[in-house]
Amino acid sequence: MNKSYSFSNDQMNGIVEETYAKIIKECENLKENTNCPNEQVVALLSVIASNFATNTNKREK
C-alpha cells in the first residue's frame, strides 16, 4: 500500500505552482496552435496521467 504524501508549503508555493502554471500554459498553447477543443486537451492529460497512475490490476505471471 502506498504511503500518504503531501507537498510541503514551500513546494506548493514553488515547484508545484510553477509546474501547474507551465502545464496550463502549454495546454493553452496546444489549443491555440491546433484549434482543438477542451475535450481533446482533457483526453491528452488523461493519457499523461495514466503514465503516472499505479496499476492496481497488474497480473503476476
N, C-alpha and C. Protein backbone atom coordinates (compact mmCIF):
# COMPACT_ATOMS: atom_id res chain seq x y z
N MET A 1 0.84 -1.17 0.00
CA MET A 1 0.00 0.00 0.00
C MET A 1 0.89 1.25 0.00
N ASN A 2 0.50 2.24 -0.77
CA ASN A 2 1.27 3.48 -0.86
C ASN A 2 1.07 4.33 0.38
N LYS A 3 2.16 4.96 0.82
CA LYS A 3 2.08 5.88 1.95
C LYS A 3 1.46 7.19 1.47
N SER A 4 0.77 7.86 2.37
CA SER A 4 0.19 9.15 2.07
C SER A 4 1.31 10.17 1.86
N TYR A 5 1.15 11.04 0.88
CA TYR A 5 2.17 12.04 0.59
C TYR A 5 1.50 13.38 0.41
N SER A 6 2.12 14.40 0.94
CA SER A 6 1.67 15.77 0.73
C SER A 6 2.88 16.63 0.45
N PHE A 7 2.70 17.56 -0.49
CA PHE A 7 3.77 18.52 -0.74
C PHE A 7 3.87 19.46 0.45
N SER A 8 5.08 19.92 0.71
CA SER A 8 5.27 20.92 1.78
C SER A 8 4.74 22.26 1.29
N ASN A 9 4.55 23.20 2.21
CA ASN A 9 4.11 24.54 1.84
C ASN A 9 5.11 25.20 0.89
N ASP A 10 6.41 25.01 1.14
CA ASP A 10 7.42 25.57 0.26
C ASP A 10 7.32 24.98 -1.14
N GLN A 11 7.10 23.68 -1.22
CA GLN A 11 6.95 23.04 -2.52
C GLN A 11 5.68 23.54 -3.22
N MET A 12 4.58 23.65 -2.47
CA MET A 12 3.33 24.13 -3.06
C MET A 12 3.46 25.53 -3.62
N ASN A 13 4.23 26.36 -2.95
CA ASN A 13 4.41 27.74 -3.38
C ASN A 13 5.58 27.90 -4.34
N GLY A 14 6.26 26.82 -4.63
CA GLY A 14 7.42 26.85 -5.52
C GLY A 14 7.22 25.96 -6.74
N ILE A 15 7.84 24.81 -6.69
CA ILE A 15 7.88 23.91 -7.84
C ILE A 15 6.49 23.44 -8.27
N VAL A 16 5.60 23.18 -7.33
CA VAL A 16 4.25 22.71 -7.68
C VAL A 16 3.49 23.81 -8.42
N GLU A 17 3.53 25.01 -7.89
CA GLU A 17 2.85 26.14 -8.52
C GLU A 17 3.44 26.42 -9.91
N GLU A 18 4.77 26.35 -10.02
CA GLU A 18 5.44 26.58 -11.30
C GLU A 18 5.06 25.50 -12.33
N THR A 19 5.04 24.26 -11.89
CA THR A 19 4.68 23.16 -12.78
C THR A 19 3.25 23.30 -13.27
N TYR A 20 2.35 23.62 -12.36
CA TYR A 20 0.95 23.83 -12.72
C TYR A 20 0.82 24.92 -13.78
N ALA A 21 1.49 26.05 -13.55
CA ALA A 21 1.43 27.17 -14.49
C ALA A 21 1.97 26.78 -15.86
N LYS A 22 3.05 26.01 -15.88
CA LYS A 22 3.64 25.57 -17.15
C LYS A 22 2.71 24.63 -17.90
N ILE A 23 2.07 23.72 -17.19
CA ILE A 23 1.15 22.78 -17.83
C ILE A 23 -0.03 23.54 -18.43
N ILE A 24 -0.60 24.48 -17.67
CA ILE A 24 -1.72 25.28 -18.16
C ILE A 24 -1.30 26.06 -19.40
N LYS A 25 -0.14 26.69 -19.34
CA LYS A 25 0.36 27.48 -20.47
C LYS A 25 0.52 26.61 -21.71
N GLU A 26 1.09 25.43 -21.56
CA GLU A 26 1.30 24.56 -22.71
C GLU A 26 -0.01 24.01 -23.26
N CYS A 27 -0.99 23.77 -22.41
CA CYS A 27 -2.30 23.34 -22.88
C CYS A 27 -2.98 24.46 -23.68
N GLU A 28 -2.84 25.68 -23.20
CA GLU A 28 -3.39 26.82 -23.92
C GLU A 28 -2.67 26.99 -25.26
N ASN A 29 -1.36 26.79 -25.28
CA ASN A 29 -0.57 26.86 -26.50
C ASN A 29 -1.02 25.79 -27.49
N LEU A 30 -1.26 24.59 -27.01
CA LEU A 30 -1.74 23.49 -27.85
C LEU A 30 -3.08 23.85 -28.49
N LYS A 31 -4.00 24.37 -27.68
CA LYS A 31 -5.31 24.76 -28.20
C LYS A 31 -5.19 25.87 -29.25
N GLU A 32 -4.34 26.85 -28.98
CA GLU A 32 -4.17 27.97 -29.89
C GLU A 32 -3.58 27.53 -31.23
N ASN A 33 -2.62 26.61 -31.18
CA ASN A 33 -1.94 26.19 -32.40
C ASN A 33 -2.65 25.09 -33.18
N THR A 34 -3.58 24.39 -32.53
CA THR A 34 -4.27 23.30 -33.22
C THR A 34 -5.77 23.52 -33.35
N ASN A 35 -6.29 24.53 -32.63
CA ASN A 35 -7.73 24.78 -32.58
C ASN A 35 -8.52 23.59 -32.07
N CYS A 36 -7.88 22.77 -31.24
CA CYS A 36 -8.56 21.61 -30.68
C CYS A 36 -9.50 22.04 -29.56
N PRO A 37 -10.55 21.26 -29.31
CA PRO A 37 -11.47 21.58 -28.21
C PRO A 37 -10.88 21.18 -26.86
N ASN A 38 -11.48 21.71 -25.80
CA ASN A 38 -11.05 21.37 -24.44
C ASN A 38 -11.05 19.86 -24.21
N GLU A 39 -12.03 19.18 -24.79
CA GLU A 39 -12.13 17.72 -24.60
C GLU A 39 -10.88 17.00 -25.09
N GLN A 40 -10.26 17.51 -26.15
CA GLN A 40 -9.04 16.88 -26.66
C GLN A 40 -7.88 17.10 -25.70
N VAL A 41 -7.83 18.28 -25.09
CA VAL A 41 -6.79 18.56 -24.10
C VAL A 41 -6.98 17.66 -22.88
N VAL A 42 -8.23 17.49 -22.46
CA VAL A 42 -8.53 16.62 -21.32
C VAL A 42 -8.12 15.18 -21.64
N ALA A 43 -8.39 14.73 -22.86
CA ALA A 43 -8.01 13.37 -23.26
C ALA A 43 -6.50 13.21 -23.22
N LEU A 44 -5.78 14.20 -23.70
CA LEU A 44 -4.31 14.15 -23.67
C LEU A 44 -3.80 14.11 -22.23
N LEU A 45 -4.35 14.96 -21.38
CA LEU A 45 -3.93 14.97 -19.98
C LEU A 45 -4.25 13.65 -19.29
N SER A 46 -5.35 13.03 -19.69
CA SER A 46 -5.71 11.72 -19.14
C SER A 46 -4.68 10.66 -19.51
N VAL A 47 -4.23 10.69 -20.75
CA VAL A 47 -3.19 9.74 -21.19
C VAL A 47 -1.90 9.98 -20.42
N ILE A 48 -1.56 11.25 -20.26
CA ILE A 48 -0.35 11.58 -19.49
C ILE A 48 -0.49 11.11 -18.05
N ALA A 49 -1.65 11.37 -17.44
CA ALA A 49 -1.88 10.96 -16.05
C ALA A 49 -1.78 9.45 -15.90
N SER A 50 -2.24 8.71 -16.91
CA SER A 50 -2.20 7.25 -16.82
C SER A 50 -0.77 6.73 -16.75
N ASN A 51 0.19 7.51 -17.25
CA ASN A 51 1.59 7.11 -17.16
C ASN A 51 2.11 7.18 -15.73
N PHE A 52 1.43 7.92 -14.89
CA PHE A 52 1.86 8.10 -13.51
C PHE A 52 0.97 7.35 -12.51
N ALA A 53 -0.12 6.78 -12.99
CA ALA A 53 -1.06 6.07 -12.13
C ALA A 53 -0.50 4.70 -11.78
N THR A 54 -0.73 4.28 -10.56
CA THR A 54 -0.34 2.95 -10.13
C THR A 54 -1.31 1.95 -10.73
N ASN A 55 -0.79 0.92 -11.36
CA ASN A 55 -1.64 -0.09 -11.94
C ASN A 55 -1.97 -1.13 -10.87
N THR A 56 -3.16 -1.02 -10.30
CA THR A 56 -3.58 -1.93 -9.24
C THR A 56 -4.12 -3.23 -9.78
N ASN A 57 -4.36 -3.31 -11.08
CA ASN A 57 -4.89 -4.53 -11.68
C ASN A 57 -3.82 -5.37 -12.35
N LYS A 58 -2.55 -5.08 -12.05
CA LYS A 58 -1.45 -5.79 -12.67
C LYS A 58 -1.48 -7.27 -12.27
N ARG A 59 -1.44 -8.13 -13.27
CA ARG A 59 -1.45 -9.57 -13.01
C ARG A 59 -0.03 -10.10 -12.95
N GLU A 60 0.19 -11.01 -12.04
CA GLU A 60 1.50 -11.67 -11.95
C GLU A 60 1.52 -12.86 -12.87
N LYS A 61 2.64 -13.07 -13.55
CA LYS A 61 2.78 -14.21 -14.47
C LYS A 61 3.41 -15.38 -13.78
